[in-house]
Amino acid sequence: MTQRLSLYIGLMSGTSLDGIDAVLAKVGPKGEASTIEAVSTPFSPELRKALFELQSPGPNELHREKQAGNALALAYAEAVRQLLKRANLQAADVSAIGAHGQTIRHQPHLGELAYTHQTLNPALLAEKTGIDVIADFRSRDLAAGGHGAPLVPAFHAQQFVEDKNLAILNIGGIANLTLLPNDGVVTGFDCGPGNMLMDAWIHEHQGNTFDENGSWALQGKVNEALLAKMLSDPFFSKVPPKSTGRDDFHLAWLQEKIGKDNHHAEDVQATLLHLTAHSVLEALVRHAPQTQKLIVCGGGAQNKALMNLFKVKAQHLFKQALEITTSDSAGIDPQQVEGLAFAWLAWAHKEKRPANLPAVTGAKGPRILGACYPA
């Protein structure tokens, strides 16, 4: 395999709406992927606002969504430019870009009318970068009766291999688990909100986009009654395959749970921290109680309060010792795992290899994911 055919770029901007993670990866003939270079670029306030407002129905949505898709393509193109400059490479050195786009709607529960939509203008991205773009990864799985999510378990199964029962936890806006039993079938599912509600609540009350290290949450006290209300949401008791997003968990959802009760804002933040930790570990106990090691990646891996809370709660919820670490232990920066995954998904598309896992998404069978926009 030539160098050109082994180099891919993965672009990820998740439900946290914090910015773009761009990863330049080398992918071997068997799908083994490693990071060559990476950059993270924040969204402009205007783009973040436009994307956030599109999460809920509003006037003139079609026009606003297309404008946001164009702006996102331009922001992606700038991230690619920075990435290539750092790596001292040209566009012709890269085989393809895997671009997730920004999820605006995710409605996998509507039978044959189910849909998911990630805003992006991939044709514009191909034009601006001079590199083939693979996008729209979820739709093919939905067409086959799946949820189209989570997408990354096939990549996790490729990258994280140990002689023990593993679980990979990605914490972006939404938290999702990949279950990698030592001698069984790979499964996975969305387990609930990750950073999304904590980010929304602190932005509402302090104007910050996230709670660094969970420091604000640590100033509050968990409200057990409110936590129980949150955990009573039907999503948490659903049997996988299942997926979720801002369609289900948002500020209005949180306000409905709070009701007319008068809570200190920091107590709500502390309770949201516990919601993320508890819902993840409860899902793990229910669906993979034999798990020996939990590897955490995504932005939530950088939240020290959350990582500590996982360890405290795991001592009470698991019968055996559960090792909890980040993907750094496997040689992958937690912030780069999803970008690397989309580079791998672009490789799988180019190689005509199915990249969904029917046991994860519920699809009728393996499918080649994504659509190609040639440069």
Protein backbone atom coordinates (compact mmCIF):
# COMPACT_ATOMS: atom_id res chain seq x y z
CA MET A 1 0.00 0.00 0.00
CA THR A 2 1.42 3.38 -0.97
CA GLN A 3 1.80 6.20 1.52
CA ARG A 4 -0.94 8.20 -0.18
CA LEU A 5 -3.48 5.43 0.22
CA SER A 6 -2.63 4.98 3.92
CA LEU A 7 -3.18 8.57 5.05
CA TYR A 8 -6.63 9.71 6.15
CA ILE A 9 -8.03 12.69 8.02
CA GLY A 10 -10.85 12.37 10.55
CA LEU A 11 -12.96 15.39 11.49
CA MET A 12 -15.26 15.32 14.49
CA SER A 13 -17.45 17.99 16.05
CA GLY A 14 -19.68 16.42 18.64
CA THR A 15 -22.84 17.22 20.55
CA SER A 16 -20.89 19.30 23.06
CA LEU A 17 -20.61 21.97 20.34
CA ASP A 18 -17.16 22.96 21.60
CA GLY A 19 -15.25 22.80 18.33
CA ILE A 20 -13.46 20.55 15.85
CA ASP A 21 -11.03 17.72 16.50
CA ALA A 22 -8.99 16.96 13.38
CA VAL A 23 -6.71 13.93 13.24
CA LEU A 24 -4.27 12.89 10.53
CA ALA A 25 -3.94 9.12 10.68
CA LYS A 26 -2.00 6.36 9.04
CA VAL A 27 -4.16 3.28 8.49
CA GLY A 28 -2.56 -0.06 7.74
CA PRO A 29 -3.90 -2.75 5.39
CA LYS A 30 -5.71 -4.52 8.25
CA GLY A 31 -7.23 -1.31 9.59
CA GLU A 32 -4.68 -0.60 12.29
CA ALA A 33 -4.73 3.18 12.80
CA SER A 34 -2.32 5.57 14.47
CA THR A 35 -2.23 9.34 14.85
CA ILE A 36 0.40 11.27 12.93
CA GLU A 37 -0.76 14.77 13.82
CA ALA A 38 -3.81 16.40 15.41
CA VAL A 39 -5.31 19.84 15.93
CA SER A 40 -8.32 21.10 17.85
CA THR A 41 -9.97 24.33 16.76
CA PRO A 42 -12.82 26.08 18.61
CA PHE A 43 -16.04 27.10 16.90
CA SER A 44 -16.51 30.80 16.40
CA PRO A 45 -19.22 32.18 18.71
CA GLU A 46 -21.40 32.79 15.63
CA LEU A 47 -21.12 29.21 14.37
CA ARG A 48 -21.65 27.73 17.80
CA LYS A 49 -24.76 29.87 18.27
CA ALA A 50 -26.12 28.92 14.84
CA LEU A 51 -25.58 25.20 15.45
CA PHE A 52 -27.02 25.36 18.95
CA GLU A 53 -30.17 27.14 17.78
CA LEU A 54 -30.70 24.48 15.10
CA GLN A 55 -30.98 21.83 17.80
CA SER A 56 -34.58 22.95 18.35
CA PRO A 57 -37.33 23.76 15.81
CA GLY A 58 -37.42 27.38 14.72
CA PRO A 59 -38.29 29.73 11.84
CA ASN A 60 -36.61 29.53 8.44
CA GLU A 61 -34.79 26.36 9.46
CA LEU A 62 -33.91 25.18 5.97
CA HIS A 63 -32.06 28.37 5.08
CA ARG A 64 -30.32 28.61 8.46
CA GLU A 65 -29.30 24.95 8.36
CA LYS A 66 -27.79 25.23 4.89
CA GLN A 67 -25.89 28.37 5.90
CA ALA A 68 -24.58 26.61 9.01
CA GLY A 69 -23.57 23.58 6.93
CA ASN A 70 -21.55 25.84 4.64
CA ALA A 71 -19.93 27.62 7.60
CA LEU A 72 -19.07 24.27 9.18
CA ALA A 73 -17.47 23.07 5.93
CA LEU A 74 -15.31 26.21 5.87
CA ALA A 75 -14.31 25.67 9.51
CA TYR A 76 -13.48 22.03 8.75
CA ALA A 77 -11.40 23.14 5.76
CA GLU A 78 -9.41 25.51 7.96
CA ALA A 79 -8.75 22.71 10.45
CA VAL A 80 -7.51 20.52 7.56
CA ARG A 81 -5.25 23.34 6.36
CA GLN A 82 -3.70 23.66 9.82
CA LEU A 83 -3.31 19.90 10.10
CA LEU A 84 -1.52 19.58 6.75
CA LYS A 85 0.73 22.53 7.58
CA ARG A 86 1.78 20.93 10.87
CA ALA A 87 2.49 17.62 9.14
CA ASN A 88 4.26 19.31 6.20
CA LEU A 89 2.00 17.49 3.74
CA GLN A 90 -0.04 18.38 0.67
CA ALA A 91 -3.65 17.55 -0.09
CA ALA A 92 -2.49 14.98 -2.67
CA ASP A 93 -0.82 12.98 0.13
CA VAL A 94 -4.17 12.21 1.77
CA SER A 95 -6.54 9.60 0.44
CA ALA A 96 -9.75 10.92 2.02
CA ILE A 97 -11.34 12.91 4.79
CA GLY A 98 -13.92 11.30 7.07
CA ALA A 99 -16.24 14.11 8.22
CA HIS A 100 -19.04 13.48 10.70
CA GLY A 101 -20.80 16.84 10.44
CA GLN A 102 -22.94 18.26 13.23
CA THR A 103 -25.97 16.29 14.36
CA ILE A 104 -29.08 18.46 14.13
CA ARG A 105 -31.78 15.80 14.41
CA HIS A 106 -31.63 12.12 15.34
CA GLN A 107 -34.93 10.24 15.04
CA PRO A 108 -34.20 6.51 14.73
CA HIS A 109 -37.50 5.40 16.28
CA LEU A 110 -39.83 6.16 13.35
CA GLY A 111 -39.72 2.83 11.54
CA GLU A 112 -39.30 3.16 7.78
CA LEU A 113 -39.57 6.94 8.20
CA ALA A 114 -36.64 7.07 10.64
CA TYR A 115 -33.97 9.64 9.87
CA THR A 116 -30.84 11.28 11.18
CA HIS A 117 -29.33 14.51 9.93
CA GLN A 118 -25.80 15.83 10.34
CA THR A 119 -25.43 19.28 8.85
CA LEU A 120 -22.43 19.80 6.57
CA ASN A 121 -21.71 20.72 2.96
CA PRO A 122 -19.27 17.91 2.08
CA ALA A 123 -19.07 19.03 -1.56
CA LEU A 124 -17.83 22.43 -0.40
CA LEU A 125 -15.35 20.75 1.95
CA ALA A 126 -13.99 18.65 -0.95
CA GLU A 127 -13.74 21.77 -3.10
CA LYS A 128 -11.89 23.77 -0.45
CA THR A 129 -9.45 21.03 0.58
CA GLY A 130 -8.84 19.24 -2.72
CA ILE A 131 -9.35 15.92 -0.91
CA ASP A 132 -12.11 13.32 -1.32
CA VAL A 133 -14.65 13.63 1.49
CA ILE A 134 -16.60 10.74 3.00
CA ALA A 135 -19.63 11.95 4.97
CA ASP A 136 -23.16 10.95 6.01
CA PHE A 137 -22.02 7.81 7.82
CA ARG A 138 -25.23 7.14 9.74
CA SER A 139 -27.87 7.02 6.99
CA ARG A 140 -26.96 3.64 5.48
CA ASP A 141 -27.29 1.90 8.81
CA LEU A 142 -30.68 3.56 9.40
CA ALA A 143 -31.84 2.42 5.98
CA ALA A 144 -31.03 -1.13 7.10
CA GLY A 145 -33.22 -0.75 10.18
CA GLY A 146 -30.50 0.33 12.60
CA HIS A 147 -30.12 3.38 14.80
CA GLY A 148 -27.11 4.70 12.86
CA ALA A 149 -25.40 5.07 16.24
CA PRO A 150 -23.15 4.64 18.00
CA LEU A 151 -20.71 4.54 15.10
CA VAL A 152 -17.40 3.97 16.84
CA PRO A 153 -17.64 0.46 18.41
CA ALA A 154 -16.23 -1.22 15.27
CA PHE A 155 -13.22 1.07 15.52
CA HIS A 156 -12.90 0.46 19.26
CA ALA A 157 -12.87 -3.29 18.62
CA GLN A 158 -10.04 -2.75 16.12
CA GLN A 159 -7.94 -0.52 18.37
CA PHE A 160 -8.43 -1.72 21.94
CA VAL A 161 -7.43 -5.35 22.34
CA GLU A 162 -6.55 -6.87 25.72
CA ASP A 163 -6.82 -10.27 27.33
CA LYS A 164 -9.64 -9.15 29.62
CA ASN A 165 -13.24 -7.94 29.47
CA LEU A 166 -13.06 -4.33 28.32
CA ALA A 167 -15.53 -1.49 28.06
CA ILE A 168 -14.76 1.70 26.17
CA LEU A 169 -16.64 4.78 27.32
CA ASN A 170 -16.76 7.81 25.06
CA ILE A 171 -17.99 10.92 26.85
CA GLY A 172 -18.91 13.76 24.53
CA GLY A 173 -22.25 15.51 24.76
CA ILE A 174 -23.70 12.02 24.89
CA ALA A 175 -22.03 9.08 26.63
CA ASN A 176 -21.76 5.78 24.77
CA LEU A 177 -20.33 2.41 25.70
CA THR A 178 -18.58 -0.22 23.62
CA LEU A 179 -18.49 -3.64 25.30
CA LEU A 180 -15.53 -5.81 24.32
CA PRO A 181 -15.82 -9.14 26.13
CA ASN A 182 -12.73 -11.30 25.97
CA ASP A 183 -14.59 -14.17 24.32
CA GLY A 184 -17.88 -12.79 23.03
CA VAL A 185 -19.71 -10.51 20.60
CA VAL A 186 -18.87 -6.81 20.52
CA THR A 187 -21.86 -4.68 21.52
CA GLY A 188 -22.45 -1.05 22.38
CA PHE A 189 -25.05 1.65 22.88
CA ASP A 190 -25.65 5.22 23.97
CA CYS A 191 -26.14 5.21 27.73
CA GLY A 192 -27.34 8.79 28.29
CA PRO A 193 -26.08 12.35 28.65
CA GLY A 194 -22.35 12.84 28.99
CA ASN A 195 -21.28 16.49 29.13
CA MET A 196 -24.36 17.89 27.40
CA LEU A 197 -26.56 18.80 30.36
CA MET A 198 -23.65 19.94 32.53
CA ASP A 199 -22.47 22.22 29.71
CA ALA A 200 -25.96 23.62 29.14
CA TRP A 201 -26.56 24.29 32.83
CA ILE A 202 -23.28 26.10 33.47
CA HIS A 203 -23.73 28.14 30.29
CA GLU A 204 -27.22 29.12 31.45
CA HIS A 205 -26.00 30.27 34.87
CA GLN A 206 -22.40 31.36 34.41
CA GLY A 207 -21.94 31.87 30.67
CA ASN A 208 -19.14 29.25 30.52
CA THR A 209 -19.20 26.61 27.80
CA PHE A 210 -18.14 23.82 30.19
CA ASP A 211 -17.36 23.11 33.84
CA GLU A 212 -13.57 22.73 33.87
CA ASN A 213 -12.56 19.70 35.94
CA GLY A 214 -16.08 19.70 37.40
CA SER A 215 -15.00 22.45 39.81
CA TRP A 216 -18.44 24.12 39.95
CA ALA A 217 -20.17 20.78 40.46
CA LEU A 218 -17.85 20.13 43.43
CA GLN A 219 -19.16 23.29 45.10
CA GLY A 220 -22.67 21.80 45.23
CA LYS A 221 -24.35 18.85 46.88
CA VAL A 222 -26.10 16.09 44.97
CA ASN A 223 -29.89 16.15 45.34
CA GLU A 224 -30.90 12.49 45.55
CA ALA A 225 -34.59 13.18 44.85
CA LEU A 226 -33.76 15.14 41.71
CA LEU A 227 -31.28 12.47 40.62
CA ALA A 228 -33.98 9.82 41.00
CA LYS A 229 -36.36 11.89 38.85
CA MET A 230 -33.72 12.15 36.14
CA LEU A 231 -32.92 8.44 36.25
CA SER A 232 -36.63 7.63 35.93
CA ASP A 233 -36.53 8.79 32.29
CA PRO A 234 -37.64 5.83 30.12
CA PHE A 235 -34.45 6.00 28.03
CA PHE A 236 -32.31 4.59 30.84
CA SER A 237 -34.39 1.42 31.16
CA LYS A 238 -34.57 0.74 27.41
CA VAL A 239 -32.85 -2.38 26.20
CA PRO A 240 -30.11 -1.88 23.56
CA PRO A 241 -29.74 -1.23 20.72
CA LYS A 242 -30.49 2.36 21.61
CA SER A 243 -29.21 5.82 20.79
CA THR A 244 -30.03 9.33 21.91
CA GLY A 245 -29.07 12.99 21.56
CA ARG A 246 -30.28 16.53 22.10
CA ASP A 247 -33.70 15.43 20.88
CA ASP A 248 -34.09 13.68 24.25
CA PHE A 249 -31.81 15.49 26.71
CA HIS A 250 -31.83 19.29 26.77
CA LEU A 251 -32.46 22.24 29.08
CA ALA A 252 -36.24 21.96 28.78
CA TRP A 253 -35.96 18.30 29.87
CA LEU A 254 -33.91 19.38 32.86
CA GLN A 255 -36.30 22.20 33.79
CA GLU A 256 -39.20 19.75 33.66
CA LYS A 257 -37.39 17.47 36.14
CA ILE A 258 -36.60 20.40 38.44
CA GLY A 259 -40.20 21.63 38.26
CA LYS A 260 -41.08 24.29 40.82
CA ASP A 261 -38.51 23.11 43.34
CA ASN A 262 -36.00 25.69 44.46
CA HIS A 263 -32.48 24.31 44.02
CA HIS A 264 -29.14 26.04 44.27
CA ALA A 265 -27.64 26.11 40.78
CA GLU A 266 -24.43 24.42 41.95
CA ASP A 267 -26.48 21.61 43.52
CA VAL A 268 -28.12 20.95 40.15
CA GLN A 269 -24.66 20.85 38.54
CA ALA A 270 -23.47 18.36 41.16
CA THR A 271 -26.56 16.23 40.52
CA LEU A 272 -25.91 16.30 36.77
CA LEU A 273 -22.36 15.11 37.39
CA HIS A 274 -23.79 12.18 39.36
CA LEU A 275 -26.36 11.52 36.62
CA THR A 276 -23.62 11.00 34.04
CA ALA A 277 -21.52 8.78 36.34
CA HIS A 278 -24.44 6.75 37.69
CA SER A 279 -26.17 6.16 34.34
CA VAL A 280 -22.93 4.94 32.78
CA LEU A 281 -22.01 2.56 35.58
CA GLU A 282 -25.56 1.30 36.05
CA ALA A 283 -25.70 0.47 32.33
CA LEU A 284 -22.38 -1.33 32.64
CA VAL A 285 -23.58 -3.36 35.63
CA ARG A 286 -26.80 -4.27 33.81
CA HIS A 287 -25.31 -5.24 30.46
CA ALA A 288 -21.69 -6.20 31.17
CA PRO A 289 -21.23 -7.00 34.87
CA GLN A 290 -18.13 -9.05 34.03
CA THR A 291 -16.24 -5.93 32.86
CA GLN A 292 -12.75 -5.78 34.33
CA LYS A 293 -11.46 -2.55 32.78
CA LEU A 294 -13.16 0.68 31.69
CA ILE A 295 -11.26 2.90 29.25
CA VAL A 296 -12.59 6.46 29.07
CA CYS A 297 -12.13 8.81 26.11
CA GLY A 298 -13.69 12.02 24.80
CA GLY A 299 -13.85 15.41 26.45
CA GLY A 300 -15.33 13.96 29.64
CA ALA A 301 -12.09 12.09 30.30
CA GLN A 302 -10.57 15.47 31.17
CA ASN A 303 -13.16 16.15 33.89
CA LYS A 304 -11.24 15.16 37.04
CA ALA A 305 -14.33 15.28 39.25
CA LEU A 306 -16.19 12.93 36.92
CA MET A 307 -13.28 10.48 36.67
CA ASN A 308 -12.97 10.40 40.46
CA LEU A 309 -16.72 9.89 40.82
CA PHE A 310 -16.59 6.88 38.48
CA LYS A 311 -14.02 5.26 40.76
CA VAL A 312 -16.01 5.98 43.92
CA LYS A 313 -19.32 4.72 42.52
CA ALA A 314 -17.72 1.65 40.92
CA GLN A 315 -16.62 0.42 44.36
CA HIS A 316 -20.27 0.24 45.42
CA LEU A 317 -21.84 -0.98 42.17
CA PHE A 318 -19.38 -3.69 41.07
CA LYS A 319 -18.75 -6.95 42.87
CA GLN A 320 -15.22 -7.18 41.49
CA ALA A 321 -12.54 -4.52 41.18
CA LEU A 322 -13.04 -2.36 38.09
CA GLU A 323 -9.92 -0.74 36.68
CA ILE A 324 -10.77 2.73 35.34
CA THR A 325 -8.33 4.58 33.11
CA THR A 326 -8.27 6.81 30.03
CA SER A 327 -7.29 5.94 26.47
CA ASP A 328 -3.88 7.49 27.20
CA SER A 329 -3.07 4.08 28.69
CA ALA A 330 -3.51 2.60 25.19
CA GLY A 331 -1.42 5.31 23.56
CA ILE A 332 -4.33 7.41 22.22
CA ASP A 333 -5.09 10.92 23.47
CA PRO A 334 -8.71 10.85 24.77
CA GLN A 335 -9.50 13.95 22.72
CA GLN A 336 -8.31 12.26 19.51
CA VAL A 337 -10.17 8.94 19.68
CA GLU A 338 -13.26 10.05 17.74
CA GLY A 339 -11.27 11.96 15.13
CA LEU A 340 -9.13 8.86 14.64
CA ALA A 341 -12.32 6.81 14.37
CA PHE A 342 -13.63 8.93 11.50
CA ALA A 343 -10.31 8.64 9.68
CA TRP A 344 -10.75 4.86 10.07
CA LEU A 345 -14.37 5.06 8.85
CA ALA A 346 -13.18 6.91 5.73
CA TRP A 347 -10.61 4.14 5.18
CA ALA A 348 -13.32 1.48 5.58
CA HIS A 349 -15.49 3.23 2.99
CA LYS A 350 -12.62 3.48 0.50
CA GLU A 351 -11.77 -0.18 1.06
CA LYS A 352 -15.47 -1.15 0.68
CA ARG A 353 -15.50 -2.73 4.11
CA PRO A 354 -18.65 -2.72 6.26
CA ALA A 355 -18.12 -0.57 9.34
CA ASN A 356 -21.36 -0.92 11.30
CA LEU A 357 -21.96 -3.61 13.88
CA PRO A 358 -25.54 -4.94 13.68
CA ALA A 359 -25.32 -6.12 17.30
CA VAL A 360 -24.72 -2.48 18.25
CA THR A 361 -27.08 -0.55 15.98
CA GLY A 362 -29.80 -3.13 15.33
CA ALA A 363 -29.30 -3.03 11.55
CA LYS A 364 -30.28 -6.04 9.44
CA GLY A 365 -26.67 -6.70 8.56
CA PRO A 366 -23.22 -5.24 7.87
CA ARG A 367 -23.22 -2.21 5.58
CA ILE A 368 -20.62 0.04 3.93
CA LEU A 369 -21.09 3.43 5.55
CA GLY A 370 -20.84 6.93 4.13
CA ALA A 371 -21.12 8.73 0.82
CA CYS A 372 -18.13 9.94 -1.21
CA TYR A 373 -17.73 13.48 -2.53
CA PRO A 374 -14.70 13.40 -4.87
CA ALA A 375 -12.31 16.35 -4.84
